[in-house]
Amino acid sequence: MNLSEKIKEKMELLDSTTYNHSIRVWKLALSVEEYYRMADDSLSTAALVHDIGKLYISPAILDKHEGFTELERELVDLHPYIAYRMLKECNVSEVVRRIVLYHHGRKPRLLSPLPEFYSSMVENKAKMLKTIDAFEALTTDRPYRRRMSVKQATVYLREQEGYHRQVLRYLRENIHDFDHLSDAGR
């Protein structure tokens, strides 16, 4: 992983909830890369910076204890696109940027059209990141709900569409106690 100082500085500006979540997602992605003996670190690199676009979304929205309004949901849904643009300015590879862009699905909310880009590897890793991201969110306490157990989270995600089955199996079989990842650092 070779992230520029500029990106590292931006990561430090994230609120502690988003920063700690990103660190935990990164740690899980590292373990998935190791388990599957992946040839590169694009998954874990994307995992570390996947929510960096939230830097431009008001904490008044991100910290809400109740549901979002329609406008607030639209703003939050822009964070993968914002992250993509931020990472482009920092010369991060197109592969990592596209994994980040698609980490909530193949049709992200955009402010302007982007050049066509298709890669089955990027699509697969984006689906892996989507799964790891959702798993981490579900297994962490939030102001509006208690966390799920590893088993509850993997069962819940298996019942949903669009999650990576092999990663869910890995998480269910290998992450027995998520508490070791809960203290991300700040």
N, C-alpha and C. Protein backbone atom coordinates (compact mmCIF):
# COMPACT_ATOMS: atom_id res chain seq x y z
N MET A 1 0.85 -1.16 0.00
CA MET A 1 0.00 0.00 0.00
C MET A 1 0.90 1.23 0.00
N ASN A 2 0.62 2.12 -0.93
CA ASN A 2 1.43 3.32 -1.05
C ASN A 2 0.50 4.52 -1.16
N LEU A 3 -0.05 4.93 -0.03
CA LEU A 3 -0.95 6.07 -0.03
C LEU A 3 -0.15 7.34 0.20
N SER A 4 -0.51 8.36 -0.51
CA SER A 4 0.21 9.62 -0.39
C SER A 4 -0.02 10.26 0.97
N GLU A 5 0.87 11.15 1.31
CA GLU A 5 0.72 11.90 2.56
C GLU A 5 -0.58 12.71 2.56
N LYS A 6 -0.96 13.17 1.38
CA LYS A 6 -2.20 13.94 1.25
C LYS A 6 -3.41 13.11 1.69
N ILE A 7 -3.46 11.85 1.28
CA ILE A 7 -4.57 10.99 1.68
C ILE A 7 -4.50 10.69 3.17
N LYS A 8 -3.31 10.43 3.67
CA LYS A 8 -3.15 10.16 5.11
C LYS A 8 -3.63 11.36 5.93
N GLU A 9 -3.32 12.56 5.47
CA GLU A 9 -3.78 13.76 6.16
C GLU A 9 -5.30 13.86 6.14
N LYS A 10 -5.91 13.54 5.01
CA LYS A 10 -7.37 13.58 4.90
C LYS A 10 -8.01 12.52 5.80
N MET A 11 -7.42 11.35 5.89
CA MET A 11 -7.94 10.31 6.78
C MET A 11 -7.98 10.80 8.22
N GLU A 12 -6.96 11.54 8.60
CA GLU A 12 -6.89 12.05 9.96
C GLU A 12 -8.00 13.07 10.25
N LEU A 13 -8.57 13.66 9.21
CA LEU A 13 -9.64 14.65 9.38
C LEU A 13 -11.02 14.01 9.56
N LEU A 14 -11.13 12.73 9.28
CA LEU A 14 -12.42 12.05 9.45
C LEU A 14 -12.85 12.04 10.91
N ASP A 15 -14.15 12.04 11.13
CA ASP A 15 -14.65 11.90 12.50
C ASP A 15 -14.21 10.53 13.04
N SER A 16 -14.14 10.39 14.35
CA SER A 16 -13.58 9.17 14.94
C SER A 16 -14.40 7.93 14.59
N THR A 17 -15.71 8.04 14.46
CA THR A 17 -16.53 6.88 14.12
C THR A 17 -16.16 6.37 12.72
N THR A 18 -16.10 7.27 11.75
CA THR A 18 -15.77 6.87 10.38
C THR A 18 -14.32 6.38 10.29
N TYR A 19 -13.41 7.06 10.95
CA TYR A 19 -12.01 6.67 10.94
C TYR A 19 -11.85 5.26 11.52
N ASN A 20 -12.41 5.02 12.70
CA ASN A 20 -12.28 3.71 13.35
C ASN A 20 -12.96 2.61 12.53
N HIS A 21 -14.10 2.91 11.95
CA HIS A 21 -14.77 1.96 11.06
C HIS A 21 -13.84 1.61 9.89
N SER A 22 -13.22 2.61 9.30
CA SER A 22 -12.33 2.38 8.15
C SER A 22 -11.15 1.51 8.54
N ILE A 23 -10.61 1.72 9.72
CA ILE A 23 -9.48 0.90 10.18
C ILE A 23 -9.92 -0.55 10.38
N ARG A 24 -11.10 -0.74 10.98
CA ARG A 24 -11.59 -2.11 11.19
C ARG A 24 -11.89 -2.80 9.85
N VAL A 25 -12.48 -2.08 8.90
CA VAL A 25 -12.74 -2.65 7.57
C VAL A 25 -11.41 -3.01 6.90
N TRP A 26 -10.42 -2.14 7.03
CA TRP A 26 -9.08 -2.40 6.47
C TRP A 26 -8.48 -3.68 7.07
N LYS A 27 -8.57 -3.83 8.40
CA LYS A 27 -8.03 -5.04 9.04
C LYS A 27 -8.72 -6.30 8.55
N LEU A 28 -10.03 -6.24 8.41
CA LEU A 28 -10.76 -7.40 7.87
C LEU A 28 -10.34 -7.68 6.44
N ALA A 29 -10.21 -6.64 5.64
CA ALA A 29 -9.80 -6.82 4.24
C ALA A 29 -8.39 -7.43 4.16
N LEU A 30 -7.50 -7.01 5.02
CA LEU A 30 -6.16 -7.61 5.06
C LEU A 30 -6.26 -9.11 5.34
N SER A 31 -7.12 -9.49 6.29
CA SER A 31 -7.25 -10.92 6.61
C SER A 31 -7.86 -11.69 5.44
N VAL A 32 -8.79 -11.09 4.71
CA VAL A 32 -9.38 -11.74 3.53
C VAL A 32 -8.32 -11.89 2.44
N GLU A 33 -7.53 -10.83 2.20
CA GLU A 33 -6.45 -10.92 1.20
C GLU A 33 -5.47 -12.03 1.55
N GLU A 34 -5.12 -12.12 2.81
CA GLU A 34 -4.17 -13.15 3.24
C GLU A 34 -4.79 -14.54 3.07
N TYR A 35 -6.03 -14.70 3.50
CA TYR A 35 -6.70 -16.00 3.43
C TYR A 35 -6.81 -16.50 1.99
N TYR A 36 -7.18 -15.60 1.09
CA TYR A 36 -7.34 -15.97 -0.32
C TYR A 36 -6.05 -15.79 -1.13
N ARG A 37 -4.96 -15.44 -0.47
CA ARG A 37 -3.66 -15.27 -1.11
C ARG A 37 -3.75 -14.40 -2.36
N MET A 38 -4.35 -13.24 -2.18
CA MET A 38 -4.54 -12.33 -3.31
C MET A 38 -3.20 -11.77 -3.76
N ALA A 39 -3.11 -11.52 -5.05
CA ALA A 39 -1.85 -11.11 -5.67
C ALA A 39 -1.47 -9.67 -5.37
N ASP A 40 -2.43 -8.85 -4.98
CA ASP A 40 -2.12 -7.45 -4.68
C ASP A 40 -2.93 -6.98 -3.48
N ASP A 41 -2.70 -5.74 -3.09
CA ASP A 41 -3.37 -5.20 -1.90
C ASP A 41 -4.45 -4.18 -2.26
N SER A 42 -5.02 -4.28 -3.46
CA SER A 42 -6.02 -3.29 -3.86
C SER A 42 -7.27 -3.35 -3.00
N LEU A 43 -7.66 -4.53 -2.52
CA LEU A 43 -8.84 -4.65 -1.65
C LEU A 43 -8.60 -3.92 -0.33
N SER A 44 -7.49 -4.20 0.33
CA SER A 44 -7.24 -3.56 1.63
C SER A 44 -6.97 -2.06 1.48
N THR A 45 -6.33 -1.66 0.41
CA THR A 45 -6.10 -0.23 0.18
C THR A 45 -7.44 0.47 -0.01
N ALA A 46 -8.31 -0.11 -0.83
CA ALA A 46 -9.64 0.47 -1.02
C ALA A 46 -10.43 0.47 0.29
N ALA A 47 -10.28 -0.59 1.07
CA ALA A 47 -10.99 -0.68 2.35
C ALA A 47 -10.60 0.46 3.29
N LEU A 48 -9.33 0.78 3.32
CA LEU A 48 -8.87 1.83 4.22
C LEU A 48 -9.48 3.18 3.87
N VAL A 49 -9.66 3.46 2.59
CA VAL A 49 -10.10 4.80 2.16
C VAL A 49 -11.55 4.80 1.64
N HIS A 50 -12.28 3.72 1.81
CA HIS A 50 -13.60 3.60 1.18
C HIS A 50 -14.59 4.68 1.62
N ASP A 51 -14.46 5.19 2.82
CA ASP A 51 -15.40 6.20 3.31
C ASP A 51 -14.80 7.61 3.39
N ILE A 52 -13.66 7.83 2.76
CA ILE A 52 -13.00 9.12 2.84
C ILE A 52 -13.88 10.25 2.27
N GLY A 53 -14.78 9.91 1.38
CA GLY A 53 -15.70 10.90 0.82
C GLY A 53 -16.65 11.48 1.84
N LYS A 54 -16.82 10.81 2.97
CA LYS A 54 -17.69 11.33 4.03
C LYS A 54 -17.12 12.59 4.66
N LEU A 55 -15.87 12.87 4.37
CA LEU A 55 -15.24 14.10 4.85
C LEU A 55 -16.03 15.33 4.41
N TYR A 56 -16.71 15.24 3.28
CA TYR A 56 -17.44 16.37 2.72
C TYR A 56 -18.94 16.32 3.02
N ILE A 57 -19.34 15.42 3.91
CA ILE A 57 -20.74 15.34 4.33
C ILE A 57 -20.83 15.83 5.77
N SER A 58 -21.80 16.68 6.03
CA SER A 58 -21.94 17.31 7.33
C SER A 58 -22.06 16.29 8.47
N PRO A 59 -21.31 16.51 9.55
CA PRO A 59 -21.46 15.65 10.73
C PRO A 59 -22.90 15.69 11.27
N ALA A 60 -23.61 16.78 11.05
CA ALA A 60 -25.00 16.86 11.49
C ALA A 60 -25.84 15.78 10.81
N ILE A 61 -25.46 15.39 9.61
CA ILE A 61 -26.16 14.30 8.91
C ILE A 61 -25.60 12.95 9.35
N LEU A 62 -24.28 12.81 9.33
CA LEU A 62 -23.67 11.52 9.64
C LEU A 62 -23.94 11.06 11.07
N ASP A 63 -24.10 12.00 12.01
CA ASP A 63 -24.27 11.66 13.41
C ASP A 63 -25.73 11.53 13.85
N LYS A 64 -26.66 11.58 12.91
CA LYS A 64 -28.07 11.49 13.26
C LYS A 64 -28.39 10.15 13.91
N HIS A 65 -29.29 10.19 14.88
CA HIS A 65 -29.71 8.97 15.58
C HIS A 65 -30.96 8.36 14.94
N GLU A 66 -31.65 9.15 14.14
CA GLU A 66 -32.83 8.65 13.46
C GLU A 66 -32.55 8.56 11.96
N GLY A 67 -33.51 8.10 11.20
CA GLY A 67 -33.32 7.91 9.77
C GLY A 67 -33.06 9.21 9.02
N PHE A 68 -32.51 9.07 7.82
CA PHE A 68 -32.21 10.22 6.97
C PHE A 68 -33.46 10.68 6.22
N THR A 69 -33.51 11.97 5.93
CA THR A 69 -34.50 12.46 4.99
C THR A 69 -34.08 12.01 3.60
N GLU A 70 -34.93 12.22 2.62
CA GLU A 70 -34.58 11.83 1.25
C GLU A 70 -33.34 12.59 0.77
N LEU A 71 -33.28 13.88 1.04
CA LEU A 71 -32.12 14.69 0.64
C LEU A 71 -30.86 14.22 1.36
N GLU A 72 -30.95 13.95 2.65
CA GLU A 72 -29.78 13.49 3.40
C GLU A 72 -29.28 12.15 2.86
N ARG A 73 -30.19 11.25 2.52
CA ARG A 73 -29.80 9.95 1.94
C ARG A 73 -29.06 10.16 0.62
N GLU A 74 -29.57 11.10 -0.21
CA GLU A 74 -28.91 11.38 -1.48
C GLU A 74 -27.50 11.92 -1.26
N LEU A 75 -27.32 12.77 -0.25
CA LEU A 75 -25.98 13.30 0.05
C LEU A 75 -25.05 12.20 0.54
N VAL A 76 -25.52 11.37 1.45
CA VAL A 76 -24.69 10.27 1.97
C VAL A 76 -24.33 9.31 0.84
N ASP A 77 -25.29 9.07 -0.06
CA ASP A 77 -25.03 8.15 -1.17
C ASP A 77 -23.97 8.67 -2.14
N LEU A 78 -23.61 9.93 -2.03
CA LEU A 78 -22.55 10.49 -2.88
C LEU A 78 -21.14 10.18 -2.38
N HIS A 79 -21.01 9.68 -1.15
CA HIS A 79 -19.66 9.53 -0.60
C HIS A 79 -18.74 8.62 -1.41
N PRO A 80 -19.19 7.54 -2.06
CA PRO A 80 -18.24 6.79 -2.90
C PRO A 80 -17.74 7.60 -4.10
N TYR A 81 -18.62 8.39 -4.71
CA TYR A 81 -18.21 9.24 -5.83
C TYR A 81 -17.24 10.32 -5.37
N ILE A 82 -17.54 10.94 -4.25
CA ILE A 82 -16.64 11.97 -3.70
C ILE A 82 -15.27 11.35 -3.40
N ALA A 83 -15.27 10.15 -2.82
CA ALA A 83 -14.01 9.47 -2.53
C ALA A 83 -13.25 9.18 -3.82
N TYR A 84 -13.97 8.72 -4.84
CA TYR A 84 -13.35 8.45 -6.14
C TYR A 84 -12.63 9.69 -6.64
N ARG A 85 -13.31 10.83 -6.60
CA ARG A 85 -12.73 12.08 -7.09
C ARG A 85 -11.53 12.51 -6.24
N MET A 86 -11.65 12.38 -4.92
CA MET A 86 -10.53 12.74 -4.03
C MET A 86 -9.31 11.87 -4.32
N LEU A 87 -9.54 10.58 -4.50
CA LEU A 87 -8.45 9.64 -4.74
C LEU A 87 -7.81 9.88 -6.11
N LYS A 88 -8.62 10.31 -7.07
CA LYS A 88 -8.08 10.64 -8.39
C LYS A 88 -7.12 11.82 -8.27
N GLU A 89 -7.50 12.84 -7.49
CA GLU A 89 -6.62 14.01 -7.28
C GLU A 89 -5.31 13.62 -6.62
N CYS A 90 -5.31 12.51 -5.90
CA CYS A 90 -4.11 12.05 -5.19
C CYS A 90 -3.38 10.96 -5.97
N ASN A 91 -3.76 10.76 -7.23
CA ASN A 91 -3.09 9.80 -8.12
C ASN A 91 -3.15 8.35 -7.62
N VAL A 92 -4.24 7.98 -6.97
CA VAL A 92 -4.45 6.59 -6.57
C VAL A 92 -4.88 5.83 -7.82
N SER A 93 -4.51 4.58 -7.92
CA SER A 93 -4.79 3.78 -9.12
C SER A 93 -6.28 3.73 -9.44
N GLU A 94 -6.57 3.60 -10.71
CA GLU A 94 -7.97 3.50 -11.16
C GLU A 94 -8.63 2.27 -10.56
N VAL A 95 -7.90 1.19 -10.40
CA VAL A 95 -8.47 -0.03 -9.81
C VAL A 95 -8.97 0.24 -8.39
N VAL A 96 -8.14 0.83 -7.55
CA VAL A 96 -8.55 1.13 -6.17
C VAL A 96 -9.71 2.13 -6.17
N ARG A 97 -9.63 3.15 -7.03
CA ARG A 97 -10.71 4.15 -7.09
C ARG A 97 -12.02 3.50 -7.48
N ARG A 98 -12.01 2.58 -8.43
CA ARG A 98 -13.25 1.92 -8.86
C ARG A 98 -13.78 0.97 -7.80
N ILE A 99 -12.92 0.28 -7.07
CA ILE A 99 -13.39 -0.56 -5.96
C ILE A 99 -14.12 0.32 -4.95
N VAL A 100 -13.54 1.46 -4.62
CA VAL A 100 -14.18 2.40 -3.69
C VAL A 100 -15.50 2.90 -4.27
N LEU A 101 -15.49 3.29 -5.53
CA LEU A 101 -16.70 3.83 -6.17
C LEU A 101 -17.85 2.83 -6.13
N TYR A 102 -17.55 1.55 -6.32
CA TYR A 102 -18.59 0.52 -6.41
C TYR A 102 -18.84 -0.22 -5.10
N HIS A 103 -18.31 0.26 -3.98
CA HIS A 103 -18.44 -0.52 -2.75
C HIS A 103 -19.85 -0.57 -2.17
N HIS A 104 -20.77 0.20 -2.73
CA HIS A 104 -22.18 0.05 -2.36
C HIS A 104 -23.00 -0.48 -3.53
N GLY A 105 -22.35 -0.88 -4.60
CA GLY A 105 -23.04 -1.46 -5.74
C GLY A 105 -22.54 -0.90 -7.07
N ARG A 106 -22.98 -1.51 -8.16
CA ARG A 106 -22.50 -1.18 -9.50
C ARG A 106 -23.04 0.13 -10.05
N LYS A 107 -24.03 0.72 -9.41
CA LYS A 107 -24.62 1.95 -9.94
C LYS A 107 -24.55 3.05 -8.87
N PRO A 108 -23.36 3.58 -8.64
CA PRO A 108 -23.23 4.63 -7.62
C PRO A 108 -23.88 5.94 -8.08
N ARG A 109 -24.25 6.75 -7.12
CA ARG A 109 -24.77 8.09 -7.42
C ARG A 109 -23.58 8.94 -7.87
N LEU A 110 -23.73 9.61 -9.02
CA LEU A 110 -22.65 10.42 -9.59
C LEU A 110 -23.11 11.86 -9.77
N LEU A 111 -22.16 12.78 -9.73
CA LEU A 111 -22.45 14.18 -10.04
C LEU A 111 -22.17 14.49 -11.49
N SER A 112 -21.27 13.72 -12.10
CA SER A 112 -20.98 13.87 -13.52
C SER A 112 -20.57 12.50 -14.05
N PRO A 113 -20.79 12.26 -15.35
CA PRO A 113 -20.46 10.95 -15.91
C PRO A 113 -18.97 10.64 -15.82
N LEU A 114 -18.67 9.37 -15.70
CA LEU A 114 -17.28 8.90 -15.67
C LEU A 114 -17.04 8.03 -16.89
N PRO A 115 -15.79 7.93 -17.34
CA PRO A 115 -15.48 7.05 -18.47
C PRO A 115 -15.87 5.61 -18.14
N GLU A 116 -16.29 4.88 -19.15
CA GLU A 116 -16.63 3.47 -18.96
C GLU A 116 -15.38 2.73 -18.47
N PHE A 117 -15.62 1.78 -17.59
CA PHE A 117 -14.53 0.98 -17.04
C PHE A 117 -15.14 -0.31 -16.55
N TYR A 118 -14.70 -1.43 -17.09
CA TYR A 118 -15.19 -2.71 -16.61
C TYR A 118 -14.01 -3.62 -16.34
N SER A 119 -14.08 -4.26 -15.19
CA SER A 119 -13.10 -5.26 -14.82
C SER A 119 -13.80 -6.24 -13.88
N SER A 120 -13.80 -7.50 -14.24
CA SER A 120 -14.43 -8.49 -13.36
C SER A 120 -13.71 -8.55 -12.01
N MET A 121 -12.39 -8.33 -12.02
CA MET A 121 -11.64 -8.32 -10.77
C MET A 121 -12.09 -7.16 -9.88
N VAL A 122 -12.27 -5.98 -10.46
CA VAL A 122 -12.74 -4.82 -9.69
C VAL A 122 -14.15 -5.09 -9.18
N GLU A 123 -15.00 -5.62 -10.01
CA GLU A 123 -16.37 -5.91 -9.59
C GLU A 123 -16.38 -6.91 -8.42
N ASN A 124 -15.55 -7.94 -8.51
CA ASN A 124 -15.48 -8.94 -7.44
C ASN A 124 -14.95 -8.31 -6.15
N LYS A 125 -13.89 -7.52 -6.25
CA LYS A 125 -13.33 -6.91 -5.05
C LYS A 125 -14.26 -5.86 -4.46
N ALA A 126 -15.00 -5.15 -5.30
CA ALA A 126 -15.98 -4.18 -4.78
C ALA A 126 -17.07 -4.91 -4.01
N LYS A 127 -17.48 -6.07 -4.50
CA LYS A 127 -18.49 -6.88 -3.80
C LYS A 127 -17.91 -7.41 -2.48
N MET A 128 -16.64 -7.77 -2.49
CA MET A 128 -15.98 -8.20 -1.26
C MET A 128 -15.97 -7.05 -0.24
N LEU A 129 -15.60 -5.86 -0.72
CA LEU A 129 -15.56 -4.70 0.17
C LEU A 129 -16.95 -4.36 0.69
N LYS A 130 -17.95 -4.43 -0.16
CA LYS A 130 -19.33 -4.18 0.27
C LYS A 130 -19.69 -5.13 1.41
N THR A 131 -19.30 -6.39 1.29
CA THR A 131 -19.60 -7.40 2.30
C THR A 131 -18.86 -7.12 3.60
N ILE A 132 -17.59 -6.84 3.51
CA ILE A 132 -16.78 -6.55 4.70
C ILE A 132 -17.29 -5.29 5.39
N ASP A 133 -17.59 -4.26 4.61
CA ASP A 133 -18.09 -2.99 5.14
C ASP A 133 -19.40 -3.21 5.89
N ALA A 134 -20.34 -3.92 5.28
CA ALA A 134 -21.63 -4.17 5.93
C ALA A 134 -21.46 -5.03 7.18
N PHE A 135 -20.61 -6.05 7.09
CA PHE A 135 -20.35 -6.92 8.24
C PHE A 135 -19.80 -6.12 9.42
N GLU A 136 -18.81 -5.26 9.13
CA GLU A 136 -18.23 -4.45 10.22
C GLU A 136 -19.28 -3.54 10.82
N ALA A 137 -20.09 -2.91 9.98
CA ALA A 137 -21.13 -2.00 10.48
C ALA A 137 -22.14 -2.74 11.36
N LEU A 138 -22.51 -3.93 10.96
CA LEU A 138 -23.50 -4.70 11.72
C LEU A 138 -22.94 -5.24 13.03
N THR A 139 -21.63 -5.48 13.10
CA THR A 139 -21.03 -6.06 14.31
C THR A 139 -20.43 -4.99 15.22
N THR A 140 -20.80 -3.75 14.99
CA THR A 140 -20.34 -2.63 15.82
C THR A 140 -21.55 -1.90 16.38
N ASP A 141 -21.49 -1.54 17.65
CA ASP A 141 -22.58 -0.75 18.25
C ASP A 141 -22.71 0.58 17.52
N ARG A 142 -23.94 0.98 17.31
CA ARG A 142 -24.28 2.28 16.71
C ARG A 142 -25.20 3.01 17.67
N PRO A 143 -25.28 4.34 17.57
CA PRO A 143 -26.16 5.07 18.49
C PRO A 143 -27.62 4.60 18.40
N TYR A 144 -28.02 4.11 17.25
CA TYR A 144 -29.41 3.74 17.02
C TYR A 144 -29.69 2.24 17.13
N ARG A 145 -28.65 1.41 17.40
CA ARG A 145 -28.88 -0.02 17.57
C ARG A 145 -27.65 -0.71 18.17
N ARG A 146 -27.91 -1.85 18.83
CA ARG A 146 -26.83 -2.68 19.37
C ARG A 146 -26.23 -3.51 18.23
N ARG A 147 -24.98 -3.87 18.40
CA ARG A 147 -24.32 -4.69 17.38
C ARG A 147 -24.87 -6.11 17.37
N MET A 148 -24.70 -6.75 16.22
CA MET A 148 -25.05 -8.15 16.07
C MET A 148 -23.82 -9.00 16.35
N SER A 149 -24.07 -10.26 16.66
CA SER A 149 -22.96 -11.21 16.76
C SER A 149 -22.46 -11.51 15.35
N VAL A 150 -21.30 -12.14 15.26
CA VAL A 150 -20.75 -12.54 13.97
C VAL A 150 -21.75 -13.45 13.25
N LYS A 151 -22.30 -14.42 13.97
CA LYS A 151 -23.25 -15.35 13.38
C LYS A 151 -24.50 -14.61 12.89
N GLN A 152 -25.07 -13.74 13.72
CA GLN A 152 -26.26 -12.99 13.31
C GLN A 152 -25.98 -12.15 12.06
N ALA A 153 -24.84 -11.49 12.04
CA ALA A 153 -24.51 -10.61 10.90
C ALA A 153 -24.34 -11.41 9.62
N THR A 154 -23.64 -12.55 9.69
CA THR A 154 -23.44 -13.34 8.47
C THR A 154 -24.74 -13.97 8.00
N VAL A 155 -25.60 -14.40 8.91
CA VAL A 155 -26.90 -14.95 8.52
C VAL A 155 -27.74 -13.85 7.86
N TYR A 156 -27.76 -12.67 8.48
CA TYR A 156 -28.53 -11.55 7.92
C TYR A 156 -28.04 -11.21 6.50
N LEU A 157 -26.74 -11.08 6.32
CA LEU A 157 -26.20 -10.70 5.00
C LEU A 157 -26.40 -11.80 3.95
N ARG A 158 -26.37 -13.07 4.38
CA ARG A 158 -26.64 -14.16 3.45
C ARG A 158 -28.06 -14.09 2.90
N GLU A 159 -28.97 -13.56 3.72
CA GLU A 159 -30.37 -13.45 3.30
C GLU A 159 -30.61 -12.27 2.35
N GLN A 160 -29.64 -11.38 2.24
CA GLN A 160 -29.74 -10.21 1.37
C GLN A 160 -29.11 -10.51 0.02
N GLU A 161 -29.42 -9.70 -0.96
CA GLU A 161 -28.82 -9.85 -2.29
C GLU A 161 -27.55 -8.99 -2.39
N GLY A 162 -26.61 -9.44 -3.21
CA GLY A 162 -25.47 -8.60 -3.56
C GLY A 162 -24.25 -8.71 -2.68
N TYR A 163 -24.23 -9.69 -1.77
CA TYR A 163 -23.06 -9.86 -0.91
C TYR A 163 -22.25 -11.07 -1.35
N HIS A 164 -20.97 -11.02 -1.08
CA HIS A 164 -20.01 -12.02 -1.54
C HIS A 164 -20.09 -13.26 -0.65
N ARG A 165 -20.58 -14.35 -1.21
CA ARG A 165 -20.83 -15.58 -0.44
C ARG A 165 -19.55 -16.17 0.17
N GLN A 166 -18.46 -16.19 -0.60
CA GLN A 166 -17.22 -16.76 -0.06
C GLN A 166 -16.67 -15.92 1.09
N VAL A 167 -16.78 -14.61 0.98
CA VAL A 167 -16.31 -13.75 2.07
C VAL A 167 -17.19 -13.95 3.30
N LEU A 168 -18.50 -14.07 3.10
CA LEU A 168 -19.39 -14.34 4.24
C LEU A 168 -19.01 -15.66 4.92
N ARG A 169 -18.71 -16.67 4.13
CA ARG A 169 -18.29 -17.96 4.70
C ARG A 169 -16.99 -17.78 5.48
N TYR A 170 -16.03 -17.06 4.89
CA TYR A 170 -14.76 -16.81 5.59
C TYR A 170 -15.02 -16.11 6.92
N LEU A 171 -15.84 -15.05 6.91
CA LEU A 171 -16.11 -14.30 8.13
C LEU A 171 -16.78 -15.18 9.18
N ARG A 172 -17.77 -15.96 8.76
CA ARG A 172 -18.50 -16.84 9.69
C ARG A 172 -17.56 -17.87 10.31
N GLU A 173 -16.66 -18.42 9.50
CA GLU A 173 -15.80 -19.51 9.98
C GLU A 173 -14.54 -19.04 10.69
N ASN A 174 -14.10 -17.81 10.43
CA ASN A 174 -12.78 -17.38 10.93
C ASN A 174 -12.80 -16.19 11.88
N ILE A 175 -13.86 -15.43 11.89
CA ILE A 175 -13.93 -14.28 12.79
C ILE A 175 -14.92 -14.64 13.89
N HIS A 176 -14.40 -15.22 14.97
CA HIS A 176 -15.26 -15.69 16.04
C HIS A 176 -15.51 -14.60 17.07
N ASP A 177 -14.53 -13.78 17.29
CA ASP A 177 -14.65 -12.72 18.28
C ASP A 177 -14.15 -11.44 17.65
N PHE A 178 -15.08 -10.57 17.31
CA PHE A 178 -14.72 -9.35 16.62
C PHE A 178 -14.15 -8.28 17.57
N ASP A 179 -14.19 -8.55 18.86
CA ASP A 179 -13.72 -7.55 19.83
C ASP A 179 -12.26 -7.17 19.63
N HIS A 180 -11.43 -8.07 19.10
CA HIS A 180 -10.01 -7.75 18.91
C HIS A 180 -9.81 -6.65 17.87
N LEU A 181 -10.83 -6.40 17.03
CA LEU A 181 -10.73 -5.34 16.04
C LEU A 181 -11.45 -4.08 16.48
N SER A 182 -12.15 -4.14 17.61
CA SER A 182 -13.03 -3.03 17.97
C SER A 182 -12.27 -1.77 18.38
N ASP A 183 -11.07 -1.88 18.89
CA ASP A 183 -10.31 -0.69 19.25
C ASP A 183 -9.38 -0.33 18.09
N ALA A 184 -9.89 0.53 17.22
CA ALA A 184 -9.14 0.84 16.00
C ALA A 184 -8.07 1.90 16.23
N GLY A 185 -8.15 2.66 17.26
CA GLY A 185 -7.05 3.57 17.49
C GLY A 185 -7.37 4.97 17.95
N ARG A 186 -8.58 5.47 17.73
CA ARG A 186 -8.86 6.79 18.29
C ARG A 186 -10.31 6.95 18.60
